[in-house]
Amino acid sequence: MGNSYVRNVVESVRAKYPHQPEFLQAVEEVLLSMEPLFEKESKYEENAILERIVVPERLIEFRVAWTDDKGRIQVNNGYRVQFNSAIGPYKGGLRFHPSVNQSILKFLGFEQIFKNSLTGLAIGGAKGGSDFDPKGKSDAEVMRFCQAFMTELVRYVGALSDVPAGDIGVGGREIGYLFGQYKRLTSRFEGVLTGKGLKWGGSLARTEATGFGNVYFADNMLKAVGKEIEGKKAAVSGSGNVAIYTVKKLYQLGATPVTVSDSRGCIYQPAGINLEVLQQVKERERASLTRYAELCKDATYIPVADYPAGEHPVWNVGADLAFPSATQNEVTLADAKNLLSKGCILVSEGANMPSTLEATAEFQKAGICFGPAKCANAGGVATSQLEMEQNAGMTSWTFDEVDGKLKGIMAGIFKAAHDTAEEFGQPGNYVMGGNIAGFRKVADSMIEQGVM
């Protein structure tokens, strides 16, 4: 670390939060990449912006007690991290997964600040969720949990203050139950949540937005170096919404996605993933990818257990393009080396922080096109804000209207990251370019609004 201001803040965060590794990783990735900015501009140090921006404006933790189908009382932890509201109301998803804790939600909320800023829309950064696991629960159990969760969360959210969305474990079903309880408790029908059903305030193209947006960003990166997506082979990880609609958009632009995955294994299908079967298995049956392999005889299921620790088969099949779309830190240094050794020319992150710091450094050292999550996966939150706009105007836009706006937003994010990287003498460094472009808007707003 060359800049003493950055070094001091990073060391302070390490000392204060030694048991929050995901949050520390996010802070280091952002702050270290922005050292050239602090060499150029002294106002951020003079106004203690870094010291302020690494601390959430509000961190809420609460108990969620609910009753299962056998009449037993269950207890989970609920959270909302309202990180920064300098440029707009808090915006960020809710995650229901056993791994949820303060470190993960703080990393996600911190990343959300800069991602939301890059969209050019008036939304601040937040994240929330619970260690509740919807898997294996009945609809009635999920409903009772969501109602209990919203009974606590309701006092902290609102259409002009904090607008949560979905994330891992929180899809249309959960958003519906959460919204119903909000309406029941407040007697207000307003855009307090995004990802709603189309019959009651949702937006067309919201489900597709993160995956579509990621491919749009990748397309911009390739065109900047005189290449095209068409004709390329792509490895995609994950098998949820982000992965499914990454696959769909890749096909639309002429590429061939050959993998999808889950925590236990990977589907490899050289002729191309069967989108219809994937949607049947994951969206309708909610089944394992082993079921996909049963239905597609030309597909191979590769268990993660067959590979050495720290490696995932999805990154070892050989592909021109890689789209990590599952979860944080899924791409290790070993995975990065496997991708590069097989000729990968682009990595575009659909999940939040899916590459370790070591993997990111390896991609950058190799000089390939690398789209960091806060740029590449911003399409989801951008379309959530478009849903907020539609709710505020009590109107609904067509799929093509929303998709067109999404494509324009992703082009704008690419331009901001590209131009900022060039401004600081590191063309093609979208990590630095994206971080600085997102940070400056928020930091300058904080300075203008005074000490708070």
Protein backbone atom coordinates (compact mmCIF):
# COMPACT_ATOMS: atom_id res chain seq x y z
CA MET A 1 0.00 0.00 0.00
CA GLY A 2 1.59 3.23 -1.15
CA ASN A 3 -0.82 5.85 0.17
CA SER A 4 -0.57 6.45 3.92
CA TYR A 5 -4.19 7.59 4.22
CA VAL A 6 -5.48 4.39 2.62
CA ARG A 7 -3.02 2.27 4.63
CA ASN A 8 -4.10 3.81 7.94
CA VAL A 9 -7.81 3.32 7.25
CA VAL A 10 -7.37 -0.27 6.05
CA GLU A 11 -5.28 -1.12 9.14
CA SER A 12 -7.90 0.51 11.37
CA VAL A 13 -10.67 -1.58 9.80
CA ARG A 14 -8.57 -4.75 10.19
CA ALA A 15 -8.03 -4.01 13.87
CA LYS A 16 -11.66 -3.17 14.52
CA TYR A 17 -13.28 -6.07 12.64
CA PRO A 18 -10.79 -8.99 12.74
CA HIS A 19 -13.58 -11.58 12.64
CA GLN A 20 -15.34 -10.18 9.54
CA PRO A 21 -13.23 -11.58 6.65
CA GLU A 22 -15.70 -10.90 3.83
CA PHE A 23 -16.12 -7.28 4.90
CA LEU A 24 -12.35 -6.81 5.22
CA GLN A 25 -11.86 -8.26 1.74
CA ALA A 26 -14.40 -5.84 0.24
CA VAL A 27 -12.87 -2.83 1.99
CA GLU A 28 -9.34 -3.74 0.91
CA GLU A 29 -10.38 -4.37 -2.70
CA VAL A 30 -12.10 -0.99 -2.98
CA LEU A 31 -9.70 1.19 -1.04
CA LEU A 32 -6.45 -0.21 -2.41
CA SER A 33 -7.65 0.17 -5.99
CA MET A 34 -8.35 3.88 -5.40
CA GLU A 35 -4.90 4.95 -4.18
CA PRO A 36 -4.28 7.08 -7.31
CA LEU A 37 -7.36 9.15 -6.46
CA PHE A 38 -6.10 10.01 -2.97
CA GLU A 39 -2.71 10.95 -4.36
CA LYS A 40 -4.49 13.41 -6.65
CA GLU A 41 -7.25 14.73 -4.34
CA SER A 42 -6.69 15.77 -0.70
CA LYS A 43 -10.31 16.76 0.06
CA TYR A 44 -11.36 13.20 0.86
CA GLU A 45 -8.75 12.84 3.59
CA GLU A 46 -9.47 16.35 4.89
CA ASN A 47 -13.14 15.40 5.26
CA ALA A 48 -12.40 11.91 6.70
CA ILE A 49 -14.48 10.30 3.96
CA LEU A 50 -12.87 6.87 4.16
CA GLU A 51 -13.24 6.71 7.94
CA ARG A 52 -16.92 7.53 7.53
CA ILE A 53 -17.76 5.45 4.46
CA VAL A 54 -16.50 2.16 5.93
CA VAL A 55 -18.95 2.43 8.85
CA PRO A 56 -22.67 1.81 8.20
CA GLU A 57 -25.00 4.67 8.99
CA ARG A 58 -27.13 2.11 10.79
CA LEU A 59 -26.83 -1.61 11.52
CA ILE A 60 -29.99 -3.26 12.78
CA GLU A 61 -30.13 -6.77 14.25
CA PHE A 62 -33.32 -8.38 15.51
CA ARG A 63 -34.83 -11.67 16.61
CA VAL A 64 -37.21 -13.48 14.25
CA ALA A 65 -39.42 -16.00 16.08
CA TRP A 66 -41.82 -18.11 14.01
CA THR A 67 -43.71 -21.40 14.24
CA ASP A 68 -43.00 -24.40 12.02
CA ASP A 69 -45.59 -26.85 10.66
CA LYS A 70 -45.24 -29.06 13.75
CA GLY A 71 -46.14 -26.16 16.04
CA ARG A 72 -42.56 -25.73 17.33
CA ILE A 73 -41.15 -22.25 17.85
CA GLN A 74 -38.06 -21.52 15.76
CA VAL A 75 -35.71 -18.53 16.20
CA ASN A 76 -33.48 -16.87 13.59
CA ASN A 77 -31.41 -13.68 13.43
CA GLY A 78 -32.56 -10.87 11.18
CA TYR A 79 -30.45 -7.95 9.92
CA ARG A 80 -30.58 -4.74 7.92
CA VAL A 81 -27.35 -2.86 7.20
CA GLN A 82 -28.20 0.68 6.05
CA PHE A 83 -24.75 1.63 4.82
CA ASN A 84 -24.97 4.93 2.99
CA SER A 85 -27.78 7.28 1.92
CA ALA A 86 -25.75 10.18 0.51
CA ILE A 87 -27.26 9.94 -3.00
CA GLY A 88 -30.67 8.40 -2.32
CA PRO A 89 -32.77 6.04 -0.20
CA TYR A 90 -31.13 2.81 0.90
CA LYS A 91 -31.38 0.08 -1.75
CA GLY A 92 -30.15 -3.48 -1.55
CA GLY A 93 -31.39 -7.04 -1.35
CA LEU A 94 -32.43 -9.39 1.43
CA ARG A 95 -30.60 -12.73 1.62
CA PHE A 96 -32.06 -15.78 3.41
CA HIS A 97 -29.28 -18.37 3.82
CA PRO A 98 -27.64 -20.18 6.76
CA SER A 99 -24.33 -18.41 6.06
CA VAL A 100 -25.77 -14.93 6.63
CA ASN A 101 -23.96 -12.92 9.30
CA GLN A 102 -22.81 -9.35 9.87
CA SER A 103 -19.59 -9.79 7.89
CA ILE A 104 -21.33 -11.01 4.75
CA LEU A 105 -24.07 -8.38 4.92
CA LYS A 106 -21.57 -5.58 5.57
CA PHE A 107 -19.47 -6.67 2.58
CA LEU A 108 -22.59 -6.76 0.40
CA GLY A 109 -23.86 -3.41 1.69
CA PHE A 110 -20.46 -1.75 1.24
CA GLU A 111 -20.22 -3.01 -2.35
CA GLN A 112 -23.79 -1.84 -2.94
CA ILE A 113 -22.84 1.79 -2.23
CA PHE A 114 -20.57 2.00 -5.26
CA LYS A 115 -22.58 -0.31 -7.50
CA ASN A 116 -25.69 1.80 -6.98
CA SER A 117 -23.74 4.98 -7.57
CA LEU A 118 -22.43 3.65 -10.89
CA THR A 119 -25.96 3.13 -12.22
CA GLY A 120 -26.41 6.91 -12.27
CA LEU A 121 -29.67 6.48 -10.35
CA ALA A 122 -30.62 8.04 -7.00
CA ILE A 123 -30.12 5.04 -4.70
CA GLY A 124 -27.93 4.50 -1.65
CA GLY A 125 -26.37 1.27 -0.41
CA ALA A 126 -27.83 -1.32 1.95
CA LYS A 127 -28.22 -5.07 2.48
CA GLY A 128 -30.12 -7.33 4.84
CA GLY A 129 -31.39 -10.80 5.50
CA SER A 130 -31.43 -13.71 7.89
CA ASP A 131 -29.74 -17.04 8.62
CA PHE A 132 -33.10 -18.68 7.86
CA ASP A 133 -32.91 -21.36 5.14
CA PRO A 134 -35.98 -21.57 2.85
CA LYS A 135 -34.77 -24.89 1.41
CA GLY A 136 -36.84 -27.80 2.64
CA LYS A 137 -39.47 -25.53 4.19
CA SER A 138 -43.14 -25.61 3.22
CA ASP A 139 -44.80 -22.56 1.68
CA ALA A 140 -46.67 -22.07 4.95
CA GLU A 141 -43.43 -22.08 6.96
CA VAL A 142 -41.79 -19.62 4.57
CA MET A 143 -44.87 -17.39 4.83
CA ARG A 144 -44.84 -17.42 8.64
CA PHE A 145 -41.12 -16.65 8.71
CA CYS A 146 -41.48 -13.78 6.20
CA GLN A 147 -44.39 -12.32 8.18
CA ALA A 148 -42.35 -12.45 11.40
CA PHE A 149 -39.32 -10.95 9.64
CA MET A 150 -41.31 -8.05 8.19
CA THR A 151 -43.03 -7.41 11.54
CA GLU A 152 -39.59 -6.37 12.82
CA LEU A 153 -38.24 -4.80 9.61
CA VAL A 154 -41.30 -2.63 8.95
CA ARG A 155 -40.18 0.16 11.26
CA TYR A 156 -36.98 0.70 9.25
CA VAL A 157 -38.14 0.58 5.61
CA GLY A 158 -40.31 2.70 3.32
CA ALA A 159 -40.68 3.79 -0.31
CA LEU A 160 -38.56 6.92 0.26
CA SER A 161 -36.24 5.64 3.00
CA ASP A 162 -35.18 2.02 2.41
CA VAL A 163 -36.38 -0.26 -0.40
CA PRO A 164 -35.18 -3.88 -0.08
CA ALA A 165 -35.20 -6.39 -2.94
CA GLY A 166 -34.50 -10.10 -3.29
CA ASP A 167 -31.18 -11.94 -3.19
CA ILE A 168 -30.13 -15.54 -2.52
CA GLY A 169 -33.07 -17.37 -0.94
CA VAL A 170 -35.48 -14.48 -1.53
CA GLY A 171 -37.43 -14.83 -4.77
CA GLY A 172 -40.93 -13.93 -5.91
CA ARG A 173 -42.60 -16.10 -3.26
CA GLU A 174 -40.72 -14.49 -0.38
CA ILE A 175 -41.14 -10.94 -1.73
CA GLY A 176 -44.89 -11.59 -1.98
CA TYR A 177 -45.18 -12.69 1.64
CA LEU A 178 -43.00 -9.79 2.83
CA PHE A 179 -45.01 -7.23 0.87
CA GLY A 180 -48.32 -8.66 2.08
CA GLN A 181 -47.22 -8.30 5.70
CA TYR A 182 -45.93 -4.76 5.11
CA LYS A 183 -49.28 -3.77 3.64
CA ARG A 184 -51.11 -5.47 6.50
CA LEU A 185 -49.08 -3.58 9.13
CA THR A 186 -49.06 -0.14 7.49
CA SER A 187 -52.26 -0.06 5.40
CA ARG A 188 -50.11 1.35 2.58
CA PHE A 189 -49.73 0.02 -0.95
CA GLU A 190 -46.40 1.50 -2.02
CA GLY A 191 -43.12 0.55 -3.64
CA VAL A 192 -41.39 -0.56 -0.45
CA LEU A 193 -40.00 -3.74 -2.03
CA THR A 194 -38.82 -4.51 -5.55
CA GLY A 195 -39.05 -7.82 -7.35
CA LYS A 196 -42.81 -7.81 -6.81
CA GLY A 197 -45.28 -9.86 -8.84
CA LEU A 198 -46.36 -8.31 -12.14
CA LYS A 199 -49.99 -8.16 -11.02
CA TRP A 200 -49.19 -5.94 -8.05
CA GLY A 201 -46.46 -3.48 -8.97
CA GLY A 202 -43.58 -5.55 -10.31
CA SER A 203 -41.54 -4.70 -13.37
CA LEU A 204 -41.12 -6.70 -16.52
CA ALA A 205 -37.47 -7.74 -17.10
CA ARG A 206 -36.61 -7.58 -13.39
CA THR A 207 -36.07 -11.33 -13.17
CA GLU A 208 -33.77 -11.24 -16.19
CA ALA A 209 -31.96 -8.02 -15.31
CA THR A 210 -28.81 -9.14 -13.49
CA GLY A 211 -27.97 -11.86 -16.01
CA PHE A 212 -28.85 -9.72 -19.02
CA GLY A 213 -26.93 -6.75 -17.62
CA ASN A 214 -23.83 -8.84 -17.00
CA VAL A 215 -23.75 -9.99 -20.62
CA TYR A 216 -24.33 -6.42 -21.83
CA PHE A 217 -21.31 -5.29 -19.78
CA ALA A 218 -19.20 -8.15 -21.16
CA ASP A 219 -20.24 -7.19 -24.68
CA ASN A 220 -19.03 -3.64 -24.06
CA MET A 221 -15.68 -4.88 -22.74
CA LEU A 222 -15.09 -7.10 -25.77
CA LYS A 223 -16.08 -4.42 -28.27
CA ALA A 224 -13.60 -2.03 -26.63
CA VAL A 225 -10.79 -4.41 -27.63
CA GLY A 226 -12.18 -5.17 -31.07
CA LYS A 227 -13.80 -8.53 -30.26
CA GLU A 228 -17.33 -9.97 -30.24
CA ILE A 229 -19.37 -12.31 -28.04
CA GLU A 230 -20.76 -14.10 -31.10
CA GLY A 231 -19.20 -17.50 -31.65
CA LYS A 232 -17.58 -17.71 -28.22
CA LYS A 233 -17.91 -20.58 -25.74
CA ALA A 234 -18.91 -19.50 -22.23
CA ALA A 235 -18.64 -21.08 -18.78
CA VAL A 236 -21.40 -19.97 -16.39
CA SER A 237 -21.54 -20.87 -12.70
CA GLY A 238 -24.68 -21.01 -10.60
CA SER A 239 -28.14 -22.13 -11.62
CA GLY A 240 -30.39 -19.44 -10.14
CA ASN A 241 -31.87 -16.37 -11.79
CA VAL A 242 -28.54 -14.74 -12.57
CA ALA A 243 -27.11 -17.84 -14.24
CA ILE A 244 -30.31 -18.74 -16.09
CA TYR A 245 -30.68 -15.33 -17.70
CA THR A 246 -26.96 -15.03 -18.37
CA VAL A 247 -27.37 -18.23 -20.39
CA LYS A 248 -30.41 -16.82 -22.19
CA LYS A 249 -28.73 -13.54 -23.18
CA LEU A 250 -25.55 -15.34 -24.27
CA TYR A 251 -27.62 -17.38 -26.71
CA GLN A 252 -29.34 -14.22 -27.96
CA LEU A 253 -25.95 -12.64 -28.71
CA GLY A 254 -24.62 -15.72 -30.49
CA ALA A 255 -22.45 -17.36 -27.80
CA THR A 256 -22.71 -20.95 -26.53
CA PRO A 257 -22.94 -21.38 -22.73
CA VAL A 258 -21.68 -24.87 -21.85
CA THR A 259 -21.89 -25.04 -18.05
CA VAL A 260 -24.09 -24.30 -15.05
CA SER A 261 -23.38 -25.37 -11.49
CA ASP A 262 -24.42 -25.57 -7.87
CA SER A 263 -22.54 -26.08 -4.61
CA ARG A 264 -22.29 -29.83 -5.20
CA GLY A 265 -21.41 -30.09 -8.89
CA CYS A 266 -21.32 -28.84 -12.44
CA ILE A 267 -23.22 -29.60 -15.63
CA TYR A 268 -20.99 -29.68 -18.71
CA GLN A 269 -22.79 -29.79 -22.06
CA PRO A 270 -20.49 -29.09 -25.04
CA ALA A 271 -23.41 -28.57 -27.45
CA GLY A 272 -24.82 -25.87 -25.18
CA ILE A 273 -26.98 -25.74 -22.05
CA ASN A 274 -30.65 -26.57 -22.70
CA LEU A 275 -32.33 -23.43 -21.37
CA GLU A 276 -35.82 -24.94 -21.37
CA VAL A 277 -34.73 -27.92 -19.28
CA LEU A 278 -32.69 -25.70 -16.94
CA GLN A 279 -35.75 -23.51 -16.27
CA GLN A 280 -37.92 -26.58 -15.74
CA VAL A 281 -35.51 -28.07 -13.20
CA LYS A 282 -34.67 -24.88 -11.32
CA GLU A 283 -37.71 -22.60 -11.66
CA ARG A 284 -40.55 -25.12 -11.63
CA GLU A 285 -39.28 -28.32 -10.01
CA ARG A 286 -36.69 -26.60 -7.76
CA ALA A 287 -34.61 -29.75 -8.13
CA SER A 288 -30.89 -30.58 -8.12
CA LEU A 289 -28.74 -30.41 -11.23
CA THR A 290 -28.54 -34.21 -11.09
CA ARG A 291 -32.13 -34.05 -12.33
CA TYR A 292 -30.93 -31.94 -15.29
CA ALA A 293 -28.41 -34.66 -16.17
CA GLU A 294 -31.22 -37.24 -16.10
CA LEU A 295 -33.24 -35.21 -18.62
CA CYS A 296 -30.33 -34.24 -20.93
CA LYS A 297 -28.45 -37.36 -21.94
CA ASP A 298 -25.69 -35.38 -23.68
CA ALA A 299 -24.89 -33.51 -20.45
CA THR A 300 -22.25 -34.62 -17.96
CA TYR A 301 -22.64 -34.03 -14.21
CA ILE A 302 -19.26 -33.47 -12.53
CA PRO A 303 -19.30 -33.55 -8.69
CA VAL A 304 -17.22 -30.91 -6.89
CA ALA A 305 -15.93 -33.72 -4.68
CA ASP A 306 -14.04 -35.12 -7.68
CA TYR A 307 -11.81 -32.03 -7.75
CA PRO A 308 -9.00 -30.87 -5.41
CA ALA A 309 -9.93 -28.45 -2.62
CA GLY A 310 -10.00 -24.88 -3.90
CA GLU A 311 -11.01 -25.83 -7.44
CA HIS A 312 -14.42 -26.04 -9.11
CA PRO A 313 -15.01 -28.10 -12.26
CA VAL A 314 -16.99 -25.32 -13.92
CA TRP A 315 -13.73 -23.38 -14.39
CA ASN A 316 -11.80 -26.31 -15.78
CA VAL A 317 -13.81 -27.33 -18.86
CA GLY A 318 -12.23 -24.74 -21.16
CA ALA A 319 -14.08 -21.63 -22.33
CA ASP A 320 -13.45 -18.28 -23.99
CA LEU A 321 -15.65 -16.38 -21.54
CA ALA A 322 -16.41 -16.93 -17.83
CA PHE A 323 -19.43 -15.64 -15.92
CA PRO A 324 -19.20 -16.40 -12.17
CA SER A 325 -22.85 -16.16 -11.10
CA ALA A 326 -23.18 -18.16 -7.88
CA THR A 327 -21.72 -16.66 -4.70
CA GLN A 328 -18.78 -14.84 -3.10
CA ASN A 329 -15.23 -16.21 -3.43
CA GLU A 330 -16.24 -19.05 -5.76
CA VAL A 331 -13.27 -18.37 -8.08
CA THR A 332 -9.98 -19.14 -6.34
CA LEU A 333 -6.44 -18.53 -7.53
CA ALA A 334 -6.30 -22.15 -8.74
CA ASP A 335 -9.55 -21.63 -10.67
CA ALA A 336 -8.17 -18.43 -12.23
CA LYS A 337 -5.06 -20.26 -13.39
CA ASN A 338 -7.20 -23.06 -14.85
CA LEU A 339 -9.31 -20.56 -16.79
CA LEU A 340 -6.31 -18.69 -18.15
CA SER A 341 -4.42 -21.85 -19.09
CA LYS A 342 -7.36 -22.87 -21.29
CA GLY A 343 -7.53 -19.57 -23.17
CA CYS A 344 -10.16 -17.56 -21.29
CA ILE A 345 -10.17 -13.95 -22.55
CA LEU A 346 -12.94 -12.47 -20.36
CA VAL A 347 -14.32 -12.83 -16.83
CA SER A 348 -17.49 -10.89 -16.00
CA GLU A 349 -18.83 -11.20 -12.45
CA GLY A 350 -22.56 -11.87 -12.10
CA ALA A 351 -22.39 -12.72 -8.40
CA ASN A 352 -21.18 -10.37 -5.65
CA MET A 353 -17.39 -10.57 -5.17
CA PRO A 354 -17.14 -14.08 -6.67
CA SER A 355 -13.38 -13.85 -7.24
CA THR A 356 -10.89 -13.89 -4.39
CA LEU A 357 -8.39 -11.04 -4.22
CA GLU A 358 -5.71 -13.43 -5.51
CA ALA A 359 -7.86 -14.53 -8.45
CA THR A 360 -8.67 -10.93 -9.35
CA ALA A 361 -4.97 -10.04 -9.29
CA GLU A 362 -4.23 -13.02 -11.56
CA PHE A 363 -6.83 -11.92 -14.11
CA GLN A 364 -5.53 -8.36 -14.10
CA LYS A 365 -1.92 -9.50 -14.43
CA ALA A 366 -2.91 -11.58 -17.47
CA GLY A 367 -4.47 -8.50 -19.09
CA ILE A 368 -7.79 -10.16 -19.96
CA CYS A 369 -11.10 -8.30 -19.91
CA PHE A 370 -12.23 -8.37 -16.26
CA GLY A 371 -15.62 -6.97 -15.24
CA PRO A 372 -15.86 -6.56 -11.45
CA ALA A 373 -19.20 -7.28 -9.81
CA LYS A 374 -20.04 -3.71 -8.86
CA CYS A 375 -19.97 -2.87 -12.57
CA ALA A 376 -21.05 -6.10 -14.25
CA ASN A 377 -23.92 -7.18 -12.02
CA ALA A 378 -25.43 -3.75 -11.41
CA GLY A 379 -28.28 -4.47 -13.83
CA GLY A 380 -30.37 -6.06 -11.11
CA VAL A 381 -30.39 -3.10 -8.76
CA ALA A 382 -30.74 -0.69 -11.70
CA THR A 383 -33.92 -2.43 -12.82
CA SER A 384 -35.13 -2.45 -9.21
CA GLN A 385 -34.86 1.34 -9.30
CA LEU A 386 -36.78 1.33 -12.60
CA GLU A 387 -39.49 -0.63 -10.74
CA MET A 388 -39.48 2.11 -8.08
CA GLU A 389 -39.98 4.71 -10.84
CA GLN A 390 -42.93 2.78 -12.25
CA ASN A 391 -44.46 2.43 -8.78
CA ALA A 392 -44.06 6.15 -8.10
CA GLY A 393 -45.83 6.98 -11.37
CA MET A 394 -48.43 4.20 -10.90
CA THR A 395 -47.62 2.90 -14.36
CA SER A 396 -46.03 -0.08 -16.09
CA TRP A 397 -43.51 -0.20 -18.92
CA THR A 398 -43.16 -2.89 -21.59
CA PHE A 399 -40.40 -5.52 -21.44
CA ASP A 400 -38.61 -3.87 -24.36
CA GLU A 401 -38.76 -0.44 -22.67
CA VAL A 402 -37.21 -1.78 -19.47
CA ASP A 403 -34.64 -3.89 -21.32
CA GLY A 404 -33.69 -0.90 -23.47
CA LYS A 405 -33.18 1.25 -20.37
CA LEU A 406 -31.14 -1.56 -18.79
CA LYS A 407 -28.89 -1.82 -21.85
CA GLY A 408 -28.35 1.94 -21.77
CA ILE A 409 -27.53 1.91 -18.04
CA MET A 410 -24.96 -0.88 -18.50
CA ALA A 411 -23.36 1.04 -21.37
CA GLY A 412 -23.20 4.07 -19.06
CA ILE A 413 -21.55 2.05 -16.29
CA PHE A 414 -19.00 0.71 -18.76
CA LYS A 415 -18.23 4.21 -20.05
CA ALA A 416 -17.78 5.57 -16.51
CA ALA A 417 -15.39 2.75 -15.55
CA HIS A 418 -13.56 2.87 -18.90
CA ASP A 419 -13.10 6.64 -18.96
CA THR A 420 -12.04 6.81 -15.30
CA ALA A 421 -9.46 4.05 -15.82
CA GLU A 422 -8.03 6.02 -18.74
CA GLU A 423 -8.07 9.25 -16.70
CA PHE A 424 -5.79 7.61 -14.13
CA GLY A 425 -3.47 6.06 -16.70
CA GLN A 426 -4.66 2.45 -16.37
CA PRO A 427 -6.82 1.76 -19.45
CA GLY A 428 -8.89 -1.40 -19.16
CA ASN A 429 -8.62 -1.54 -15.36
CA TYR A 430 -12.35 -1.63 -14.62
CA VAL A 431 -11.75 -2.48 -10.96
CA MET A 432 -10.05 0.84 -10.36
CA GLY A 433 -12.19 2.73 -12.86
CA GLY A 434 -15.45 1.43 -11.46
CA ASN A 435 -14.47 1.95 -7.84
CA ILE A 436 -13.27 5.52 -8.35
CA ALA A 437 -16.23 6.50 -10.52
CA GLY A 438 -18.71 5.11 -7.98
CA PHE A 439 -16.85 6.50 -4.99
CA ARG A 440 -16.45 10.08 -6.21
CA LYS A 441 -20.18 10.66 -6.63
CA VAL A 442 -20.96 9.39 -3.12
CA ALA A 443 -17.96 11.04 -1.44
CA ASP A 444 -18.59 14.44 -3.03
CA SER A 445 -22.23 14.22 -1.94
CA MET A 446 -21.13 13.43 1.63
CA ILE A 447 -18.85 16.48 1.67
CA GLU A 448 -21.62 18.73 0.35
CA GLN A 449 -24.11 17.47 2.98
CA GLY A 450 -21.78 18.17 5.93
CA VAL A 451 -20.69 16.00 8.85
CA MET A 452 -23.40 13.50 9.69
